[in-house]
C-alpha atoms as a PDB file:
ATOM      1  CA  MET A   1       0.000   0.000   0.000  1.00  0.00           C
ATOM      2  CA  ASN A   2       2.856   2.347   0.834  1.00  0.00           C
ATOM      3  CA  TYR A   3       4.307   1.576  -2.579  1.00  0.00           C
ATOM      4  CA  ILE A   4       1.070   2.630  -4.323  1.00  0.00           C
ATOM      5  CA  ARG A   5       0.909   5.849  -2.306  1.00  0.00           C
ATOM      6  CA  HIS A   6       4.417   6.713  -3.461  1.00  0.00           C
ATOM      7  CA  VAL A   7       3.883   5.695  -7.097  1.00  0.00           C
ATOM      8  CA  PHE A   8       0.805   7.816  -7.788  1.00  0.00           C
ATOM      9  CA  PRO A   9       2.452  11.116  -6.796  1.00  0.00           C
ATOM     10  CA  MET A  10       5.394  10.170  -8.998  1.00  0.00           C
ATOM     11  CA  LEU A  11       3.033   9.482 -11.912  1.00  0.00           C
ATOM     12  CA  GLY A  12       1.405  12.855 -11.367  1.00  0.00           C
ATOM     13  CA  PHE A  13       4.802  14.534 -11.289  1.00  0.00           C
ATOM     14  CA  THR A  14       5.813  12.733 -14.485  1.00  0.00           C
ATOM     15  CA  ALA A  15       2.621  13.744 -16.294  1.00  0.00           C
ATOM     16  CA  GLY A  16       3.068  17.330 -15.159  1.00  0.00           C
ATOM     17  CA  MET A  17       6.651  17.314 -16.316  1.00  0.00           C
ATOM     18  CA  LEU A  18       5.685  15.986 -19.736  1.00  0.00           C
ATOM     19  CA  LEU A  19       2.940  18.584 -20.066  1.00  0.00           C
ATOM     20  CA  GLY A  20       5.333  21.337 -19.077  1.00  0.00           C
ATOM     21  CA  VAL A  21       7.924  20.150 -21.551  1.00  0.00           C
ATOM     22  CA  SER A  22       5.358  19.957 -24.344  1.00  0.00           C
ATOM     23  CA  ILE A  23       4.292  23.534 -23.648  1.00  0.00           C
ATOM     24  CA  ALA A  24       7.908  24.659 -23.508  1.00  0.00           C
ATOM     25  CA  VAL A  25       9.017  23.028 -26.744  1.00  0.00           C
ATOM     26  CA  THR A  26       6.023  23.947 -28.869  1.00  0.00           C
ATOM     27  CA  PRO A  27       7.154  27.560 -29.355  1.00  0.00           C
ATOM     28  CA  ALA A  28      10.744  26.378 -29.769  1.00  0.00           C
ATOM     29  CA  ALA A  29       9.660  24.177 -32.662  1.00  0.00           C
ATOM     30  CA  ALA A  30       8.598  27.352 -34.477  1.00  0.00           C
ATOM     31  CA  ALA A  31      11.802  29.161 -33.561  1.00  0.00           C
ATOM     32  CA  SER A  32      13.907  27.695 -36.352  1.00  0.00           C
ATOM     33  CA  ILE A  33      13.679  25.643 -39.516  1.00  0.00           C
ATOM     34  CA  THR A  34      16.591  23.770 -41.031  1.00  0.00           C
ATOM     35  CA  TYR A  35      16.674  23.432 -44.821  1.00  0.00           C
ATOM     36  CA  SER A  36      18.967  20.802 -46.284  1.00  0.00           C
ATOM     37  CA  PHE A  37      20.060  21.040 -49.906  1.00  0.00           C
ATOM     38  CA  SER A  38      22.221  19.241 -52.425  1.00  0.00           C
ATOM     39  CA  GLY A  39      23.473  19.879 -55.911  1.00  0.00           C
ATOM     40  CA  VAL A  40      26.081  19.372 -58.568  1.00  0.00           C
ATOM     41  CA  VAL A  41      29.259  21.246 -59.460  1.00  0.00           C
ATOM     42  CA  ASP A  42      29.237  22.423 -63.064  1.00  0.00           C
ATOM     43  CA  ARG A  43      31.796  25.246 -63.071  1.00  0.00           C
ATOM     44  CA  VAL A  44      35.182  25.662 -61.428  1.00  0.00           C
ATOM     45  CA  GLN A  45      37.477  28.535 -62.258  1.00  0.00           C
ATOM     46  CA  PRO A  46      41.014  27.363 -63.060  1.00  0.00           C
ATOM     47  CA  GLN A  47      42.500  29.114 -60.025  1.00  0.00           C
ATOM     48  CA  LEU A  48      40.454  26.802 -57.749  1.00  0.00           C
ATOM     49  CA  SER A  49      41.107  23.553 -59.628  1.00  0.00           C
ATOM     50  CA  SER A  50      43.596  22.333 -57.025  1.00  0.00           C
ATOM     51  CA  THR A  51      40.637  21.661 -54.708  1.00  0.00           C
ATOM     52  CA  PHE A  52      37.452  21.501 -56.814  1.00  0.00           C
ATOM     53  CA  ASN A  53      36.242  19.644 -59.886  1.00  0.00           C
ATOM     54  CA  THR A  54      32.944  18.930 -61.614  1.00  0.00           C
ATOM     55  CA  THR A  55      32.710  15.334 -60.338  1.00  0.00           C
ATOM     56  CA  GLN A  56      32.294  16.373 -56.695  1.00  0.00           C
ATOM     57  CA  PRO A  57      28.965  16.250 -54.829  1.00  0.00           C
ATOM     58  CA  MET A  58      27.684  19.323 -53.020  1.00  0.00           C
ATOM     59  CA  SER A  59      25.443  19.294 -49.940  1.00  0.00           C
ATOM     60  CA  GLY A  60      24.697  21.442 -46.938  1.00  0.00           C
ATOM     61  CA  PHE A  61      22.084  23.021 -44.712  1.00  0.00           C
ATOM     62  CA  ILE A  62      20.916  26.370 -43.380  1.00  0.00           C
ATOM     63  CA  THR A  63      19.059  26.939 -40.127  1.00  0.00           C
ATOM     64  CA  VAL A  64      16.697  29.909 -40.379  1.00  0.00           C
ATOM     65  CA  ASP A  65      14.803  32.021 -37.845  1.00  0.00           C
ATOM     66  CA  PRO A  66      11.274  32.465 -39.272  1.00  0.00           C
ATOM     67  CA  GLY A  67      10.853  35.867 -37.611  1.00  0.00           C
ATOM     68  CA  VAL A  68      10.824  38.579 -40.280  1.00  0.00           C
ATOM     69  CA  THR A  69      13.925  40.681 -39.715  1.00  0.00           C
ATOM     70  CA  SER A  70      13.904  43.324 -42.433  1.00  0.00           C
ATOM     71  CA  PRO A  71      11.045  43.291 -44.939  1.00  0.00           C
ATOM     72  CA  THR A  72      11.638  46.084 -47.433  1.00  0.00           C
ATOM     73  CA  HIS A  73       8.125  46.245 -48.863  1.00  0.00           C
ATOM     74  CA  PRO A  74       4.999  44.025 -49.108  1.00  0.00           C
ATOM     75  CA  GLY A  75       5.745  40.741 -50.805  1.00  0.00           C
ATOM     76  CA  ILE A  76       9.333  40.455 -49.581  1.00  0.00           C
ATOM     77  CA  GLY A  77      10.427  38.898 -46.296  1.00  0.00           C
ATOM     78  CA  ALA A  78      14.002  38.620 -45.027  1.00  0.00           C
ATOM     79  CA  TYR A  79      14.949  35.977 -42.469  1.00  0.00           C
ATOM     80  CA  THR A  80      18.136  35.468 -40.483  1.00  0.00           C
ATOM     81  CA  ILE A  81      20.291  32.385 -41.075  1.00  0.00           C
ATOM     82  CA  THR A  82      21.606  31.271 -37.686  1.00  0.00           C
ATOM     83  CA  ASN A  83      23.699  28.340 -38.903  1.00  0.00           C
ATOM     84  CA  PHE A  84      25.191  27.327 -42.246  1.00  0.00           C
ATOM     85  CA  SER A  85      27.170  24.279 -43.340  1.00  0.00           C
ATOM     86  CA  LEU A  86      28.471  23.335 -46.798  1.00  0.00           C
ATOM     87  CA  ASP A  87      30.436  20.385 -48.164  1.00  0.00           C
ATOM     88  CA  ILE A  88      31.856  20.197 -51.692  1.00  0.00           C
ATOM     89  CA  GLY A  89      33.737  16.935 -51.994  1.00  0.00           C
ATOM     90  CA  THR A  90      36.026  17.002 -48.953  1.00  0.00           C
ATOM     91  CA  TYR A  91      35.984  20.799 -48.668  1.00  0.00           C
ATOM     92  CA  HIS A  92      33.947  22.189 -45.761  1.00  0.00           C
ATOM     93  CA  ALA A  93      32.725  25.706 -45.025  1.00  0.00           C
ATOM     94  CA  SER A  94      30.422  26.970 -42.272  1.00  0.00           C
ATOM     95  CA  SER A  95      29.086  30.118 -40.648  1.00  0.00           C
ATOM     96  CA  THR A  96      27.066  31.266 -37.647  1.00  0.00           C
ATOM     97  CA  GLY A  97      27.378  34.953 -38.504  1.00  0.00           C
ATOM     98  CA  PRO A  98      24.492  37.364 -37.839  1.00  0.00           C
ATOM     99  CA  ASN A  99      24.430  38.947 -41.307  1.00  0.00           C
ATOM    100  CA  ASN A 100      23.305  35.917 -43.300  1.00  0.00           C
ATOM    101  CA  GLN A 101      19.822  35.915 -44.803  1.00  0.00           C
ATOM    102  CA  VAL A 102      17.126  34.094 -46.731  1.00  0.00           C
ATOM    103  CA  ILE A 103      14.864  36.368 -48.749  1.00  0.00           C
ATOM    104  CA  ILE A 104      11.461  35.150 -49.938  1.00  0.00           C
ATOM    105  CA  THR A 105       9.859  37.199 -52.718  1.00  0.00           C
ATOM    106  CA  ASP A 106       6.176  36.561 -53.434  1.00  0.00           C
ATOM    107  CA  ARG A 107       5.241  38.639 -56.452  1.00  0.00           C
ATOM    108  CA  ILE A 108       1.670  38.917 -57.710  1.00  0.00           C
ATOM    109  CA  ASN A 109       2.658  39.878 -61.269  1.00  0.00           C
ATOM    110  CA  GLY A 110       6.188  38.593 -61.545  1.00  0.00           C
ATOM    111  CA  LEU A 111       8.595  35.835 -60.676  1.00  0.00           C
ATOM    112  CA  ASP A 112       8.614  34.307 -57.213  1.00  0.00           C
ATOM    113  CA  ARG A 113      12.164  34.161 -55.871  1.00  0.00           C
ATOM    114  CA  LEU A 114      14.225  32.567 -53.122  1.00  0.00           C
ATOM    115  CA  ASP A 115      17.669  33.950 -52.333  1.00  0.00           C
ATOM    116  CA  VAL A 116      20.217  32.760 -49.771  1.00  0.00           C
ATOM    117  CA  THR A 117      23.203  34.916 -48.823  1.00  0.00           C
ATOM    118  CA  VAL A 118      25.997  33.847 -46.457  1.00  0.00           C
ATOM    119  CA  ASN A 119      28.846  36.280 -45.841  1.00  0.00           C
ATOM    120  CA  ASN A 120      32.444  35.326 -45.052  1.00  0.00           C
ATOM    121  CA  PRO A 121      31.986  31.630 -44.219  1.00  0.00           C
ATOM    122  CA  SER A 122      34.877  29.869 -42.540  1.00  0.00           C
ATOM    123  CA  GLY A 123      36.829  27.431 -44.692  1.00  0.00           C
ATOM    124  CA  LEU A 124      40.385  26.588 -45.643  1.00  0.00           C
ATOM    125  CA  PRO A 125      42.071  28.822 -48.218  1.00  0.00           C
ATOM    126  CA  VAL A 126      42.501  27.226 -51.631  1.00  0.00           C
ATOM    127  CA  PRO A 127      45.992  27.381 -53.203  1.00  0.00           C
ATOM    128  CA  ASN A 128      46.504  28.358 -56.810  1.00  0.00           C
ATOM    129  CA  PRO A 129      47.468  25.163 -58.709  1.00  0.00           C
ATOM    130  CA  ILE A 130      50.335  26.893 -60.524  1.00  0.00           C
ATOM    131  CA  HIS A 131      51.470  29.306 -57.807  1.00  0.00           C
ATOM    132  CA  PRO A 132      50.728  27.595 -54.441  1.00  0.00           C
ATOM    133  CA  SER A 133      51.885  30.658 -52.520  1.00  0.00           C
ATOM    134  CA  ILE A 134      48.777  32.433 -53.841  1.00  0.00           C
ATOM    135  CA  VAL A 135      45.700  31.361 -51.910  1.00  0.00           C
ATOM    136  CA  TYR A 136      42.004  32.217 -52.123  1.00  0.00           C
ATOM    137  CA  SER A 137      39.805  32.478 -49.025  1.00  0.00           C
ATOM    138  CA  PRO A 138      36.022  31.961 -49.069  1.00  0.00           C
ATOM    139  CA  ASN A 139      34.137  35.262 -49.133  1.00  0.00           C
ATOM    140  CA  GLY A 140      30.534  34.222 -49.562  1.00  0.00           C
ATOM    141  CA  PHE A 141      27.960  31.615 -50.531  1.00  0.00           C
ATOM    142  CA  ASP A 142      24.668  32.221 -52.281  1.00  0.00           C
ATOM    143  CA  ILE A 143      21.678  30.397 -53.737  1.00  0.00           C
ATOM    144  CA  SER A 144      19.405  32.076 -56.312  1.00  0.00           C
ATOM    145  CA  LEU A 145      16.122  30.532 -57.478  1.00  0.00           C
ATOM    146  CA  ARG A 146      13.591  32.110 -59.881  1.00  0.00           C
ATOM    147  CA  GLY A 147      10.007  31.298 -61.078  1.00  0.00           C
ATOM    148  CA  PRO A 148       8.620  31.280 -63.773  1.00  0.00           C
ATOM    149  CA  ALA A 149       5.318  31.150 -61.881  1.00  0.00           C
ATOM    150  CA  ALA A 150       4.130  33.930 -59.582  1.00  0.00           C
ATOM    151  CA  SER A 151       2.250  31.414 -57.437  1.00  0.00           C
ATOM    152  CA  THR A 152       5.185  29.408 -56.051  1.00  0.00           C
ATOM    153  CA  PHE A 153       4.790  31.008 -52.619  1.00  0.00           C
ATOM    154  CA  GLY A 154       1.462  31.980 -51.090  1.00  0.00           C
ATOM    155  CA  SER A 155       3.084  34.810 -49.139  1.00  0.00           C
ATOM    156  CA  ASP A 156       6.477  36.128 -48.102  1.00  0.00           C
ATOM    157  CA  ALA A 157       6.429  33.858 -45.026  1.00  0.00           C
ATOM    158  CA  LEU A 158       9.205  31.305 -44.615  1.00  0.00           C
ATOM    159  CA  PRO A 159       7.809  28.091 -46.161  1.00  0.00           C
ATOM    160  CA  SER A 160       7.754  24.830 -44.248  1.00  0.00           C
ATOM    161  CA  THR A 161       7.683  23.011 -47.611  1.00  0.00           C
ATOM    162  CA  VAL A 162       9.686  24.243 -50.590  1.00  0.00           C
ATOM    163  CA  PRO A 163       8.494  23.211 -54.077  1.00  0.00           C
ATOM    164  CA  SER A 164      10.603  20.929 -56.208  1.00  0.00           C
ATOM    165  CA  ILE A 165      13.427  22.966 -57.672  1.00  0.00           C
ATOM    166  CA  SER A 166      13.577  21.023 -60.929  1.00  0.00           C
ATOM    167  CA  SER A 167       9.877  21.557 -61.701  1.00  0.00           C
ATOM    168  CA  VAL A 168       9.271  25.079 -60.356  1.00  0.00           C
ATOM    169  CA  PHE A 169      12.440  27.183 -60.390  1.00  0.00           C
ATOM    170  CA  THR A 170      13.167  26.624 -64.063  1.00  0.00           C
ATOM    171  CA  ASN A 171      14.047  30.227 -64.953  1.00  0.00           C
ATOM    172  CA  PHE A 172      17.111  30.326 -62.741  1.00  0.00           C
ATOM    173  CA  ASN A 173      18.757  27.835 -60.386  1.00  0.00           C
ATOM    174  CA  GLN A 174      22.250  28.573 -59.155  1.00  0.00           C
ATOM    175  CA  TRP A 175      24.516  28.204 -56.137  1.00  0.00           C
ATOM    176  CA  ARG A 176      27.998  29.685 -55.787  1.00  0.00           C
ATOM    177  CA  LEU A 177      30.867  29.614 -53.330  1.00  0.00           C
ATOM    178  CA  VAL A 178      32.860  32.780 -53.999  1.00  0.00           C
ATOM    179  CA  PHE A 179      36.506  33.178 -53.015  1.00  0.00           C
ATOM    180  CA  SER A 180      38.776  36.199 -52.810  1.00  0.00           C
ATOM    181  CA  GLY A 181      39.589  37.755 -56.160  1.00  0.00           C
ATOM    182  CA  GLY A 182      36.109  36.809 -57.400  1.00  0.00           C
ATOM    183  CA  ARG A 183      37.074  33.156 -57.989  1.00  0.00           C
ATOM    184  CA  VAL A 184      34.006  30.939 -58.090  1.00  0.00           C
ATOM    185  CA  VAL A 185      32.994  27.292 -57.789  1.00  0.00           C
ATOM    186  CA  GLY A 186      29.316  26.786 -58.501  1.00  0.00           C
ATOM    187  CA  GLY A 187      26.528  24.731 -59.957  1.00  0.00           C
ATOM    188  CA  THR A 188      22.824  23.964 -59.659  1.00  0.00           C
ATOM    189  CA  LEU A 189      20.644  22.522 -56.930  1.00  0.00           C
ATOM    190  CA  THR A 190      18.936  19.198 -57.467  1.00  0.00           C
ATOM    191  CA  GLY A 191      15.686  17.881 -56.014  1.00  0.00           C
ATOM    192  CA  ALA A 192      14.299  20.273 -53.402  1.00  0.00           C
ATOM    193  CA  LEU A 193      15.194  22.262 -50.332  1.00  0.00           C
ATOM    194  CA  THR A 194      14.035  19.919 -47.590  1.00  0.00           C
ATOM    195  CA  ALA A 195      12.636  21.631 -44.504  1.00  0.00           C
ATOM    196  CA  VAL A 196      13.284  19.944 -41.172  1.00  0.00           C
ATOM    197  CA  PRO A 197      11.594  21.776 -38.239  1.00  0.00           C
ATOM    198  CA  LEU A 198      13.014  21.426 -34.723  1.00  0.00           C
ATOM    199  CA  PRO A 199      12.035  17.881 -33.602  1.00  0.00           C
ATOM    200  CA  ALA A 200       9.891  18.794 -30.614  1.00  0.00           C
ATOM    201  CA  ALA A 201       8.509  15.255 -30.440  1.00  0.00           C
ATOM    202  CA  VAL A 202      12.024  13.900 -30.014  1.00  0.00           C
ATOM    203  CA  ILE A 203      12.715  16.364 -27.207  1.00  0.00           C
ATOM    204  CA  LEU A 204       9.426  15.447 -25.544  1.00  0.00           C
ATOM    205  CA  PHE A 205      10.216  11.753 -25.821  1.00  0.00           C
ATOM    206  CA  GLY A 206      13.637  12.272 -24.254  1.00  0.00           C
ATOM    207  CA  ALA A 207      12.202  14.267 -21.381  1.00  0.00           C
ATOM    208  CA  GLY A 208       9.561  11.601 -20.790  1.00  0.00           C
ATOM    209  CA  LEU A 209      12.213   8.901 -20.807  1.00  0.00           C
ATOM    210  CA  VAL A 210      14.216  10.749 -18.167  1.00  0.00           C
ATOM    211  CA  ALA A 211      11.115  11.160 -16.024  1.00  0.00           C
ATOM    212  CA  LEU A 212      10.237   7.476 -16.317  1.00  0.00           C
ATOM    213  CA  VAL A 213      13.776   6.495 -15.377  1.00  0.00           C
ATOM    214  CA  GLY A 214      13.369   8.634 -12.272  1.00  0.00           C
ATOM    215  CA  LEU A 215      10.087   6.925 -11.529  1.00  0.00           C
ATOM    216  CA  GLY A 216      11.735   3.526 -11.821  1.00  0.00           C
ATOM    217  CA  ALA A 217      14.536   4.575  -9.516  1.00  0.00           C
ATOM    218  CA  GLY A 218      12.035   5.780  -6.920  1.00  0.00           C
ATOM    219  CA  SER A 219      10.118   2.511  -7.117  1.00  0.00           C
ATOM    220  CA  TRP A 220      13.315   0.536  -6.649  1.00  0.00           C
ATOM    221  CA  ARG A 221      14.171   2.530  -3.526  1.00  0.00           C
ATOM    222  CA  GLN A 222      10.694   1.911  -2.079  1.00  0.00           C
ATOM    223  CA  LYS A 223      11.014  -1.826  -2.664  1.00  0.00           C
ATOM    224  CA  LYS A 224      14.469  -1.834  -1.087  1.00  0.00           C
ATOM    225  CA  ASN A 225      13.206   0.015   2.008  1.00  0.00           C
ATOM    226  CA  SER A 226      10.232  -2.335   2.419  1.00  0.00           C
ATOM    227  CA  LEU A 227      12.529  -5.350   2.324  1.00  0.00           C
ATOM    228  CA  ALA A 228      14.790  -3.763   4.917  1.00  0.00           C
END
C-alpha cells in the first residue's frame, strides 16, 4: 500500500513534467527551420582547380529564424540564417554569422524568388594550382532561385515546404561559393530544399524517458526500504 501511495504522486509529477515540456518546446519548434540542400558542381574557375572539380557532390544546410527581420516592402520577407554548413567533396565551409539571410519574394505579377546569402563563411584557403603561394579564401555563398510562376509562394512567409526545384524554379537555379579575387565554384541545386523543423517530439520523448527512469529509480528505492 505504501508503494502505491508513493507511485501515484510520482506518476502525477511525471505527467506534469511531460505537459510542461510539451508547452515549452512547442514555441521552440517554431523558432527555427533547417533546410537541407544538395546539388552538382558544373563550373570551377582554373585558379580553384587544385581543390574543386565537376565530379564532386555538393550538400549542406541552413538553419533559419522564421521571424521577419527586415522586410523592405509588401511581398518580400528577409529571415536570419543562424547556422550554415556546406560540403563540396572534402571541402567544408560553415558560418554562424548574424548577417546571413534568406529572402522570400512573393510577387503577384512577376517571378517568385528565393535567395540565400551567407557572408564570409569559414573554410580553408585554396591554393593556386600553378602558384601555391597564392591562396584564395572563401568570401561568400549564395543560392538564387527564380520562377517562372508567380504562385510558387502563397506569401512572403518562410515556407515549411519548398516546391521541387527542378519543376518550379526553371528560370534560374544557381549556387555559388565565392573566393577572394572573385574566384568561383558553382553549380545547380537538385531535387528540393528539404525543410526539417526542430524535432519537438524527439525532445518530448527524451524528457519523458528521463522522467520514467526517475520513476523507476524511486520505485526501486521503495522496494528496497520495504525489504529492509
